[in-house]
Amino acid sequence: PVEAVYSGSLMMLRGIEMSEVRKCDIKFDGVAHDVNCKEGMLFGMQLVRRLRRRAGQSFGTVCSIWVFMSRSSTGRYEFAPLGVQPRTPVVEAANRMVSFVALIMLWSTALDVSFILEQPATSIMYLHPRMQQVAKWFGDKWTEVRTHMGAFGAPTPKATNLYSGHSYVKMLQRTLTAGMIKEMDPH
């Protein structure tokens, strides 16, 4: 089984629901799916606790505040991934979100549940100190893979990075040729 939690994962669940692979009932709860509140954090930990050993979990955390297009409004740069001071409440909330997700990643690993974190290629979320700690904890097992959503049927090529403490994520690596990209975006 695979459990998808938090923001962007809702799109993943909708894709599964529309596919012929499996039908699922999507229930979105604004509190339970908000990792920045106590209930949402506990919900995420409870989901992991209920998974069988060797199950998988996908995190599609909010990415818009971490990508290059938001750098001027968030003050996030490679040299200041948490944002420059003074930080807006939105930037602070995103920083907390990543800390909580990192904690749930480690909780997953303690329960023998693997995870994948998906982020757009221009995201600098991986530079967040908590993500750096998770990567350091995994050491050589930490795996970062560049893939393209278009290779999986998405309407745009969208380069995407996948992060995991398990090497199976390498099976999701896909590249697109220039011709394939041109077919997807004829402009």
N, C-alpha and C. Protein backbone atom coordinates (compact mmCIF):
# COMPACT_ATOMS: atom_id res chain seq x y z
N PRO A 1 0.83 -1.21 0.00
CA PRO A 1 0.00 0.00 0.00
C PRO A 1 0.86 1.25 0.00
N VAL A 2 0.32 2.29 -0.57
CA VAL A 2 0.99 3.59 -0.59
C VAL A 2 0.06 4.61 0.01
N GLU A 3 0.56 5.41 0.93
CA GLU A 3 -0.22 6.47 1.55
C GLU A 3 0.35 7.79 1.06
N ALA A 4 -0.51 8.68 0.58
CA ALA A 4 -0.06 9.99 0.13
C ALA A 4 -0.60 11.03 1.10
N VAL A 5 0.28 11.87 1.62
CA VAL A 5 -0.16 12.84 2.61
C VAL A 5 0.25 14.26 2.25
N TYR A 6 -0.58 15.17 2.69
CA TYR A 6 -0.39 16.61 2.60
C TYR A 6 -0.53 17.15 1.18
N SER A 7 -0.73 18.41 1.13
CA SER A 7 -1.04 19.23 -0.03
C SER A 7 -1.01 18.61 -1.41
N GLY A 8 0.14 18.68 -2.08
CA GLY A 8 0.22 18.25 -3.47
C GLY A 8 -0.18 16.81 -3.69
N SER A 9 -0.15 16.01 -2.66
CA SER A 9 -0.51 14.61 -2.80
C SER A 9 -1.97 14.43 -3.18
N LEU A 10 -2.79 15.42 -2.92
CA LEU A 10 -4.20 15.32 -3.30
C LEU A 10 -4.31 15.12 -4.80
N MET A 11 -3.44 15.78 -5.57
CA MET A 11 -3.46 15.59 -7.02
C MET A 11 -3.06 14.17 -7.38
N MET A 12 -2.11 13.60 -6.65
CA MET A 12 -1.71 12.22 -6.89
C MET A 12 -2.89 11.28 -6.63
N LEU A 13 -3.61 11.52 -5.55
CA LEU A 13 -4.76 10.68 -5.23
C LEU A 13 -5.84 10.79 -6.30
N ARG A 14 -6.07 11.99 -6.79
CA ARG A 14 -7.07 12.16 -7.85
C ARG A 14 -6.65 11.41 -9.10
N GLY A 15 -5.36 11.42 -9.40
CA GLY A 15 -4.86 10.67 -10.56
C GLY A 15 -5.08 9.18 -10.39
N ILE A 16 -4.85 8.67 -9.19
CA ILE A 16 -5.09 7.25 -8.92
C ILE A 16 -6.58 6.95 -9.06
N GLU A 17 -7.41 7.85 -8.55
CA GLU A 17 -8.85 7.63 -8.60
C GLU A 17 -9.34 7.57 -10.05
N MET A 18 -8.78 8.39 -10.93
CA MET A 18 -9.22 8.42 -12.32
C MET A 18 -8.64 7.27 -13.13
N SER A 19 -7.60 6.63 -12.64
CA SER A 19 -6.98 5.55 -13.40
C SER A 19 -7.80 4.27 -13.27
N GLU A 20 -7.48 3.33 -14.11
CA GLU A 20 -8.13 2.03 -14.06
C GLU A 20 -7.47 1.13 -13.02
N VAL A 21 -6.34 1.58 -12.46
CA VAL A 21 -5.57 0.76 -11.55
C VAL A 21 -6.34 0.47 -10.27
N ARG A 22 -6.91 1.50 -9.68
CA ARG A 22 -7.56 1.32 -8.39
C ARG A 22 -8.50 2.49 -8.15
N LYS A 23 -9.61 2.21 -7.59
CA LYS A 23 -10.54 3.26 -7.20
C LYS A 23 -10.30 3.58 -5.73
N CYS A 24 -10.36 4.85 -5.39
CA CYS A 24 -10.21 5.21 -3.98
C CYS A 24 -11.14 6.37 -3.67
N ASP A 25 -11.55 6.43 -2.45
CA ASP A 25 -12.42 7.49 -1.98
C ASP A 25 -11.54 8.61 -1.43
N ILE A 26 -11.63 9.80 -2.00
CA ILE A 26 -10.79 10.91 -1.56
C ILE A 26 -11.59 11.76 -0.58
N LYS A 27 -11.04 11.89 0.60
CA LYS A 27 -11.65 12.74 1.62
C LYS A 27 -10.59 13.75 2.03
N PHE A 28 -10.84 15.00 1.74
CA PHE A 28 -9.89 16.04 2.10
C PHE A 28 -10.41 16.77 3.32
N ASP A 29 -9.58 16.87 4.32
CA ASP A 29 -9.94 17.55 5.57
C ASP A 29 -8.92 18.66 5.79
N GLY A 30 -9.37 19.90 5.82
CA GLY A 30 -8.47 21.03 5.94
C GLY A 30 -7.63 21.03 7.20
N VAL A 31 -8.12 20.41 8.27
CA VAL A 31 -7.35 20.34 9.51
C VAL A 31 -6.42 19.14 9.49
N ALA A 32 -6.97 17.96 9.20
CA ALA A 32 -6.17 16.74 9.22
C ALA A 32 -5.04 16.78 8.20
N HIS A 33 -5.25 17.49 7.11
CA HIS A 33 -4.22 17.56 6.07
C HIS A 33 -3.33 18.79 6.18
N ASP A 34 -3.37 19.46 7.33
CA ASP A 34 -2.50 20.61 7.58
C ASP A 34 -1.44 20.21 8.60
N VAL A 35 -0.27 19.88 8.13
CA VAL A 35 0.79 19.38 9.01
C VAL A 35 1.25 20.44 10.01
N ASN A 36 0.91 21.69 9.80
CA ASN A 36 1.34 22.74 10.71
C ASN A 36 0.47 22.87 11.96
N CYS A 37 -0.60 22.12 12.03
CA CYS A 37 -1.39 22.14 13.26
C CYS A 37 -1.23 20.79 13.96
N LYS A 38 -1.49 20.78 15.25
CA LYS A 38 -1.30 19.57 16.05
C LYS A 38 -2.08 18.38 15.48
N GLU A 39 -3.33 18.62 15.10
CA GLU A 39 -4.16 17.54 14.58
C GLU A 39 -3.59 16.98 13.27
N GLY A 40 -3.11 17.85 12.41
CA GLY A 40 -2.54 17.42 11.14
C GLY A 40 -1.26 16.62 11.33
N MET A 41 -0.42 17.06 12.26
CA MET A 41 0.82 16.34 12.55
C MET A 41 0.49 14.95 13.09
N LEU A 42 -0.44 14.89 14.04
CA LEU A 42 -0.83 13.60 14.60
C LEU A 42 -1.49 12.70 13.55
N PHE A 43 -2.25 13.31 12.65
CA PHE A 43 -2.87 12.56 11.57
C PHE A 43 -1.80 11.90 10.69
N GLY A 44 -0.79 12.65 10.34
CA GLY A 44 0.30 12.12 9.52
C GLY A 44 1.02 10.98 10.22
N MET A 45 1.28 11.13 11.51
CA MET A 45 1.95 10.08 12.26
C MET A 45 1.06 8.84 12.39
N GLN A 46 -0.23 9.08 12.55
CA GLN A 46 -1.18 7.95 12.65
C GLN A 46 -1.25 7.18 11.33
N LEU A 47 -1.23 7.90 10.21
CA LEU A 47 -1.24 7.22 8.91
C LEU A 47 -0.04 6.29 8.77
N VAL A 48 1.10 6.78 9.17
CA VAL A 48 2.32 5.96 9.09
C VAL A 48 2.19 4.75 10.02
N ARG A 49 1.71 4.99 11.21
CA ARG A 49 1.58 3.91 12.19
C ARG A 49 0.67 2.79 11.67
N ARG A 50 -0.32 3.15 10.88
CA ARG A 50 -1.28 2.17 10.38
C ARG A 50 -0.79 1.40 9.15
N LEU A 51 0.28 1.85 8.54
CA LEU A 51 0.81 1.15 7.37
C LEU A 51 1.55 -0.11 7.78
N ARG A 52 1.51 -1.09 6.92
CA ARG A 52 2.28 -2.31 7.16
C ARG A 52 3.76 -2.04 6.93
N ARG A 53 4.59 -2.87 7.54
CA ARG A 53 6.03 -2.78 7.29
C ARG A 53 6.28 -2.89 5.79
N ARG A 54 7.24 -2.16 5.32
CA ARG A 54 7.68 -2.13 3.92
C ARG A 54 6.64 -1.51 2.99
N ALA A 55 5.69 -0.80 3.54
CA ALA A 55 4.76 -0.04 2.71
C ALA A 55 5.47 1.24 2.27
N GLY A 56 4.81 2.05 1.47
CA GLY A 56 5.41 3.29 0.99
C GLY A 56 4.54 4.48 1.29
N GLN A 57 5.18 5.62 1.35
CA GLN A 57 4.48 6.87 1.64
C GLN A 57 5.04 7.94 0.71
N SER A 58 4.15 8.76 0.17
CA SER A 58 4.55 9.83 -0.73
C SER A 58 4.20 11.17 -0.11
N PHE A 59 5.16 12.09 -0.11
CA PHE A 59 4.91 13.44 0.37
C PHE A 59 4.92 14.40 -0.81
N GLY A 60 3.80 15.07 -1.02
CA GLY A 60 3.71 16.10 -2.04
C GLY A 60 3.52 17.43 -1.34
N THR A 61 4.50 17.84 -0.58
CA THR A 61 4.37 19.06 0.22
C THR A 61 4.29 20.30 -0.66
N VAL A 62 3.73 21.35 -0.11
CA VAL A 62 3.57 22.60 -0.84
C VAL A 62 4.92 23.06 -1.38
N CYS A 63 4.97 23.27 -2.68
CA CYS A 63 6.27 23.58 -3.29
C CYS A 63 6.37 25.03 -3.78
N SER A 64 5.25 25.70 -3.96
CA SER A 64 5.28 27.02 -4.60
C SER A 64 6.15 28.03 -3.88
N ILE A 65 6.30 27.89 -2.60
CA ILE A 65 7.10 28.86 -1.84
C ILE A 65 8.59 28.51 -1.83
N TRP A 66 8.95 27.38 -2.46
CA TRP A 66 10.34 26.94 -2.48
C TRP A 66 10.98 27.03 -3.86
N VAL A 67 10.21 27.31 -4.90
CA VAL A 67 10.74 27.31 -6.27
C VAL A 67 11.33 28.68 -6.65
N PHE A 68 12.07 28.70 -7.75
CA PHE A 68 12.81 29.91 -8.14
C PHE A 68 11.89 31.10 -8.39
N MET A 69 10.68 30.87 -8.85
CA MET A 69 9.79 31.99 -9.18
C MET A 69 9.35 32.76 -7.94
N SER A 70 9.48 32.20 -6.77
CA SER A 70 9.05 32.90 -5.56
C SER A 70 10.22 33.47 -4.75
N ARG A 71 11.42 33.36 -5.27
CA ARG A 71 12.60 33.79 -4.50
C ARG A 71 12.54 35.25 -4.06
N SER A 72 12.10 36.14 -4.92
CA SER A 72 12.10 37.56 -4.54
C SER A 72 11.05 37.85 -3.47
N SER A 73 9.94 37.16 -3.47
CA SER A 73 8.90 37.42 -2.47
C SER A 73 9.12 36.66 -1.16
N THR A 74 9.84 35.54 -1.21
CA THR A 74 10.06 34.76 0.01
C THR A 74 11.41 35.03 0.65
N GLY A 75 12.34 35.58 -0.12
CA GLY A 75 13.68 35.80 0.41
C GLY A 75 14.46 34.50 0.56
N ARG A 76 14.03 33.46 -0.14
CA ARG A 76 14.74 32.16 -0.08
C ARG A 76 15.78 32.11 -1.19
N TYR A 77 16.97 31.75 -0.81
CA TYR A 77 18.06 31.59 -1.77
C TYR A 77 18.90 30.42 -1.30
N GLU A 78 19.80 29.93 -2.14
CA GLU A 78 20.66 28.82 -1.74
C GLU A 78 21.43 29.15 -0.46
N PHE A 79 21.84 30.40 -0.30
CA PHE A 79 22.59 30.80 0.89
C PHE A 79 21.68 31.10 2.07
N ALA A 80 20.34 31.17 1.85
CA ALA A 80 19.38 31.44 2.92
C ALA A 80 18.09 30.66 2.65
N PRO A 81 18.13 29.32 2.74
CA PRO A 81 16.96 28.53 2.39
C PRO A 81 15.75 28.76 3.30
N LEU A 82 15.97 29.25 4.52
CA LEU A 82 14.85 29.55 5.41
C LEU A 82 14.25 30.92 5.14
N GLY A 83 14.88 31.68 4.25
CA GLY A 83 14.41 33.04 3.94
C GLY A 83 15.19 34.06 4.74
N VAL A 84 15.37 35.23 4.15
CA VAL A 84 16.09 36.30 4.85
C VAL A 84 15.13 36.98 5.83
N GLN A 85 15.71 37.55 6.87
CA GLN A 85 14.91 38.25 7.88
C GLN A 85 14.50 39.63 7.36
N PRO A 86 13.37 40.16 7.69
CA PRO A 86 12.31 39.52 8.47
C PRO A 86 11.51 38.56 7.57
N ARG A 87 11.12 37.41 8.12
CA ARG A 87 10.36 36.41 7.37
C ARG A 87 8.87 36.67 7.51
N THR A 88 8.17 36.46 6.43
CA THR A 88 6.72 36.61 6.47
C THR A 88 6.10 35.40 7.19
N PRO A 89 4.87 35.53 7.67
CA PRO A 89 4.21 34.38 8.30
C PRO A 89 4.08 33.18 7.35
N VAL A 90 3.92 33.43 6.06
CA VAL A 90 3.81 32.33 5.09
C VAL A 90 5.14 31.58 5.00
N VAL A 91 6.25 32.30 4.98
CA VAL A 91 7.57 31.67 4.92
C VAL A 91 7.82 30.88 6.20
N GLU A 92 7.47 31.45 7.35
CA GLU A 92 7.64 30.74 8.63
C GLU A 92 6.81 29.47 8.66
N ALA A 93 5.57 29.53 8.15
CA ALA A 93 4.71 28.35 8.12
C ALA A 93 5.29 27.26 7.23
N ALA A 94 5.86 27.65 6.10
CA ALA A 94 6.48 26.67 5.20
C ALA A 94 7.72 26.05 5.84
N ASN A 95 8.47 26.83 6.59
CA ASN A 95 9.64 26.30 7.29
C ASN A 95 9.20 25.25 8.33
N ARG A 96 8.12 25.55 9.06
CA ARG A 96 7.60 24.58 10.03
C ARG A 96 7.12 23.32 9.34
N MET A 97 6.42 23.51 8.20
CA MET A 97 5.91 22.36 7.46
C MET A 97 7.04 21.39 7.12
N VAL A 98 8.14 21.90 6.63
CA VAL A 98 9.26 21.04 6.24
C VAL A 98 9.85 20.35 7.47
N SER A 99 9.94 21.05 8.57
CA SER A 99 10.45 20.42 9.81
C SER A 99 9.56 19.26 10.22
N PHE A 100 8.25 19.46 10.18
CA PHE A 100 7.31 18.40 10.56
C PHE A 100 7.36 17.23 9.58
N VAL A 101 7.45 17.52 8.30
CA VAL A 101 7.53 16.44 7.31
C VAL A 101 8.82 15.65 7.49
N ALA A 102 9.92 16.33 7.79
CA ALA A 102 11.18 15.63 8.04
C ALA A 102 11.03 14.69 9.24
N LEU A 103 10.34 15.14 10.26
CA LEU A 103 10.11 14.31 11.43
C LEU A 103 9.28 13.07 11.06
N ILE A 104 8.25 13.26 10.24
CA ILE A 104 7.43 12.12 9.83
C ILE A 104 8.22 11.17 8.93
N MET A 105 9.15 11.69 8.15
CA MET A 105 10.02 10.81 7.35
C MET A 105 10.83 9.89 8.26
N LEU A 106 11.39 10.46 9.31
CA LEU A 106 12.18 9.64 10.24
C LEU A 106 11.28 8.67 10.99
N TRP A 107 10.10 9.10 11.38
CA TRP A 107 9.11 8.23 12.03
C TRP A 107 8.77 7.07 11.10
N SER A 108 8.58 7.36 9.82
CA SER A 108 8.29 6.31 8.83
C SER A 108 9.41 5.28 8.80
N THR A 109 10.63 5.76 8.75
CA THR A 109 11.77 4.87 8.68
C THR A 109 11.87 4.00 9.92
N ALA A 110 11.59 4.58 11.08
CA ALA A 110 11.63 3.80 12.33
C ALA A 110 10.62 2.66 12.29
N LEU A 111 9.53 2.83 11.56
CA LEU A 111 8.49 1.80 11.46
C LEU A 111 8.63 0.95 10.20
N ASP A 112 9.77 1.07 9.52
CA ASP A 112 10.06 0.31 8.30
C ASP A 112 9.07 0.61 7.18
N VAL A 113 8.73 1.89 7.07
CA VAL A 113 7.88 2.39 5.98
C VAL A 113 8.75 3.34 5.16
N SER A 114 8.83 3.10 3.87
CA SER A 114 9.67 3.96 3.03
C SER A 114 8.87 5.19 2.60
N PHE A 115 9.57 6.17 2.09
CA PHE A 115 8.92 7.42 1.68
C PHE A 115 9.60 7.98 0.44
N ILE A 116 8.85 8.83 -0.24
CA ILE A 116 9.38 9.63 -1.34
C ILE A 116 8.85 11.04 -1.15
N LEU A 117 9.75 12.01 -1.23
CA LEU A 117 9.37 13.42 -1.23
C LEU A 117 9.54 13.91 -2.66
N GLU A 118 8.50 14.52 -3.20
CA GLU A 118 8.54 15.04 -4.57
C GLU A 118 8.58 16.56 -4.52
N GLN A 119 9.48 17.14 -5.31
CA GLN A 119 9.59 18.60 -5.41
C GLN A 119 9.98 18.97 -6.84
N PRO A 120 9.50 20.14 -7.32
CA PRO A 120 9.94 20.60 -8.64
C PRO A 120 11.46 20.76 -8.66
N ALA A 121 12.03 20.66 -9.83
CA ALA A 121 13.48 20.71 -9.97
C ALA A 121 14.09 22.01 -9.45
N THR A 122 13.35 23.11 -9.47
CA THR A 122 13.92 24.39 -9.01
C THR A 122 13.71 24.64 -7.52
N SER A 123 13.08 23.71 -6.83
CA SER A 123 12.83 23.87 -5.40
C SER A 123 14.14 23.77 -4.62
N ILE A 124 14.25 24.59 -3.58
CA ILE A 124 15.42 24.50 -2.69
C ILE A 124 15.02 23.95 -1.32
N MET A 125 13.88 23.27 -1.25
CA MET A 125 13.44 22.68 0.01
C MET A 125 14.49 21.73 0.58
N TYR A 126 15.21 21.05 -0.29
CA TYR A 126 16.22 20.09 0.16
C TYR A 126 17.33 20.76 0.97
N LEU A 127 17.46 22.10 0.87
CA LEU A 127 18.48 22.83 1.62
C LEU A 127 18.01 23.21 3.03
N HIS A 128 16.74 23.01 3.34
CA HIS A 128 16.22 23.30 4.68
C HIS A 128 17.05 22.48 5.68
N PRO A 129 17.44 23.08 6.80
CA PRO A 129 18.30 22.36 7.76
C PRO A 129 17.73 21.00 8.21
N ARG A 130 16.43 20.87 8.37
CA ARG A 130 15.86 19.58 8.78
C ARG A 130 16.00 18.54 7.67
N MET A 131 15.83 18.96 6.42
CA MET A 131 16.02 18.03 5.30
C MET A 131 17.48 17.62 5.19
N GLN A 132 18.37 18.55 5.45
CA GLN A 132 19.79 18.23 5.44
C GLN A 132 20.12 17.22 6.54
N GLN A 133 19.45 17.36 7.70
CA GLN A 133 19.67 16.40 8.78
C GLN A 133 19.15 15.02 8.40
N VAL A 134 17.99 14.96 7.74
CA VAL A 134 17.45 13.67 7.31
C VAL A 134 18.43 13.02 6.32
N ALA A 135 18.90 13.80 5.34
CA ALA A 135 19.84 13.27 4.35
C ALA A 135 21.11 12.77 5.04
N LYS A 136 21.61 13.52 6.00
CA LYS A 136 22.82 13.12 6.72
C LYS A 136 22.56 11.84 7.52
N TRP A 137 21.39 11.72 8.12
CA TRP A 137 21.04 10.53 8.89
C TRP A 137 21.06 9.29 8.01
N PHE A 138 20.57 9.41 6.78
CA PHE A 138 20.55 8.28 5.86
C PHE A 138 21.92 8.01 5.25
N GLY A 139 22.78 9.01 5.21
CA GLY A 139 24.13 8.83 4.67
C GLY A 139 24.09 8.37 3.22
N ASP A 140 24.81 7.29 2.93
CA ASP A 140 24.91 6.78 1.56
C ASP A 140 23.59 6.27 1.00
N LYS A 141 22.64 5.98 1.87
CA LYS A 141 21.34 5.48 1.40
C LYS A 141 20.44 6.59 0.87
N TRP A 142 20.76 7.85 1.21
CA TRP A 142 19.94 8.97 0.74
C TRP A 142 20.02 9.05 -0.77
N THR A 143 18.87 9.07 -1.42
CA THR A 143 18.83 9.03 -2.88
C THR A 143 18.06 10.22 -3.41
N GLU A 144 18.66 10.91 -4.36
CA GLU A 144 18.02 12.03 -5.06
C GLU A 144 17.98 11.67 -6.54
N VAL A 145 16.80 11.77 -7.14
CA VAL A 145 16.62 11.39 -8.53
C VAL A 145 15.90 12.51 -9.27
N ARG A 146 16.37 12.83 -10.46
CA ARG A 146 15.67 13.78 -11.34
C ARG A 146 14.84 12.98 -12.32
N THR A 147 13.59 13.33 -12.42
CA THR A 147 12.70 12.67 -13.37
C THR A 147 11.85 13.74 -14.04
N HIS A 148 10.98 13.34 -14.92
CA HIS A 148 10.11 14.29 -15.63
C HIS A 148 8.68 13.80 -15.58
N MET A 149 7.79 14.65 -15.12
CA MET A 149 6.37 14.27 -14.99
C MET A 149 5.78 13.88 -16.34
N GLY A 150 6.24 14.50 -17.41
CA GLY A 150 5.74 14.19 -18.74
C GLY A 150 5.99 12.75 -19.14
N ALA A 151 7.01 12.14 -18.59
CA ALA A 151 7.31 10.74 -18.89
C ALA A 151 6.31 9.79 -18.24
N PHE A 152 5.50 10.32 -17.34
CA PHE A 152 4.48 9.53 -16.66
C PHE A 152 3.07 9.92 -17.09
N GLY A 153 2.98 10.67 -18.20
CA GLY A 153 1.67 11.02 -18.73
C GLY A 153 1.17 12.41 -18.41
N ALA A 154 1.93 13.20 -17.67
CA ALA A 154 1.51 14.57 -17.39
C ALA A 154 1.54 15.39 -18.68
N PRO A 155 0.70 16.42 -18.80
CA PRO A 155 0.65 17.19 -20.04
C PRO A 155 1.85 18.09 -20.27
N THR A 156 2.69 18.30 -19.27
CA THR A 156 3.90 19.12 -19.43
C THR A 156 5.12 18.29 -19.02
N PRO A 157 6.31 18.66 -19.51
CA PRO A 157 7.51 17.88 -19.18
C PRO A 157 7.90 17.98 -17.70
N LYS A 158 7.74 19.09 -17.06
CA LYS A 158 8.07 19.39 -15.66
C LYS A 158 9.13 18.48 -15.03
N ALA A 159 10.34 19.02 -14.96
CA ALA A 159 11.42 18.31 -14.27
C ALA A 159 11.12 18.29 -12.78
N THR A 160 11.31 17.13 -12.17
CA THR A 160 10.95 16.92 -10.78
C THR A 160 12.05 16.14 -10.08
N ASN A 161 12.33 16.51 -8.84
CA ASN A 161 13.29 15.78 -8.02
C ASN A 161 12.54 14.91 -7.02
N LEU A 162 13.01 13.70 -6.84
CA LEU A 162 12.46 12.77 -5.86
C LEU A 162 13.56 12.48 -4.84
N TYR A 163 13.18 12.50 -3.57
CA TYR A 163 14.13 12.25 -2.49
C TYR A 163 13.62 11.08 -1.65
N SER A 164 14.51 10.19 -1.28
CA SER A 164 14.11 9.04 -0.48
C SER A 164 15.32 8.46 0.25
N GLY A 165 15.02 7.73 1.29
CA GLY A 165 16.06 7.00 2.00
C GLY A 165 16.22 5.60 1.46
N HIS A 166 15.57 5.31 0.35
CA HIS A 166 15.59 3.98 -0.24
C HIS A 166 15.94 4.08 -1.72
N SER A 167 16.77 3.19 -2.19
CA SER A 167 17.26 3.27 -3.56
C SER A 167 16.23 2.92 -4.62
N TYR A 168 15.10 2.31 -4.24
CA TYR A 168 14.09 1.97 -5.24
C TYR A 168 13.59 3.18 -6.00
N VAL A 169 13.76 4.36 -5.43
CA VAL A 169 13.31 5.57 -6.09
C VAL A 169 14.02 5.76 -7.43
N LYS A 170 15.18 5.15 -7.60
CA LYS A 170 15.91 5.24 -8.86
C LYS A 170 15.11 4.68 -10.03
N MET A 171 14.20 3.76 -9.74
CA MET A 171 13.37 3.18 -10.80
C MET A 171 12.41 4.21 -11.42
N LEU A 172 12.21 5.33 -10.74
CA LEU A 172 11.32 6.36 -11.24
C LEU A 172 12.03 7.41 -12.08
N GLN A 173 13.33 7.29 -12.23
CA GLN A 173 14.08 8.27 -13.01
C GLN A 173 13.73 8.12 -14.49
N ARG A 174 13.36 9.23 -15.10
CA ARG A 174 13.04 9.27 -16.53
C ARG A 174 13.62 10.55 -17.11
N THR A 175 14.05 10.47 -18.34
CA THR A 175 14.50 11.65 -19.05
C THR A 175 13.67 11.80 -20.31
N LEU A 176 13.54 12.99 -20.77
CA LEU A 176 12.80 13.28 -21.99
C LEU A 176 13.76 13.84 -23.02
N THR A 177 13.60 13.44 -24.25
CA THR A 177 14.41 14.00 -25.32
C THR A 177 13.85 15.36 -25.69
N ALA A 178 14.64 16.16 -26.39
CA ALA A 178 14.18 17.48 -26.83
C ALA A 178 12.94 17.34 -27.71
N GLY A 179 12.89 16.30 -28.54
CA GLY A 179 11.73 16.06 -29.39
C GLY A 179 10.47 15.78 -28.59
N MET A 180 10.61 15.01 -27.51
CA MET A 180 9.46 14.70 -26.66
C MET A 180 8.94 15.97 -26.00
N ILE A 181 9.87 16.80 -25.53
CA ILE A 181 9.48 18.05 -24.87
C ILE A 181 8.77 18.97 -25.86
N LYS A 182 9.29 19.04 -27.09
CA LYS A 182 8.68 19.89 -28.10
C LYS A 182 7.26 19.41 -28.43
N GLU A 183 7.06 18.10 -28.48
CA GLU A 183 5.72 17.57 -28.72
C GLU A 183 4.75 17.97 -27.62
N MET A 184 5.23 18.03 -26.39
CA MET A 184 4.37 18.37 -25.26
C MET A 184 4.06 19.85 -25.21
N ASP A 185 5.01 20.68 -25.62
CA ASP A 185 4.85 22.13 -25.58
C ASP A 185 5.23 22.70 -26.94
N PRO A 186 4.31 22.70 -27.89
CA PRO A 186 4.63 23.13 -29.25
C PRO A 186 4.88 24.63 -29.41
N HIS A 187 4.79 25.42 -28.37
CA HIS A 187 4.96 26.89 -28.48
C HIS A 187 6.38 27.27 -28.64
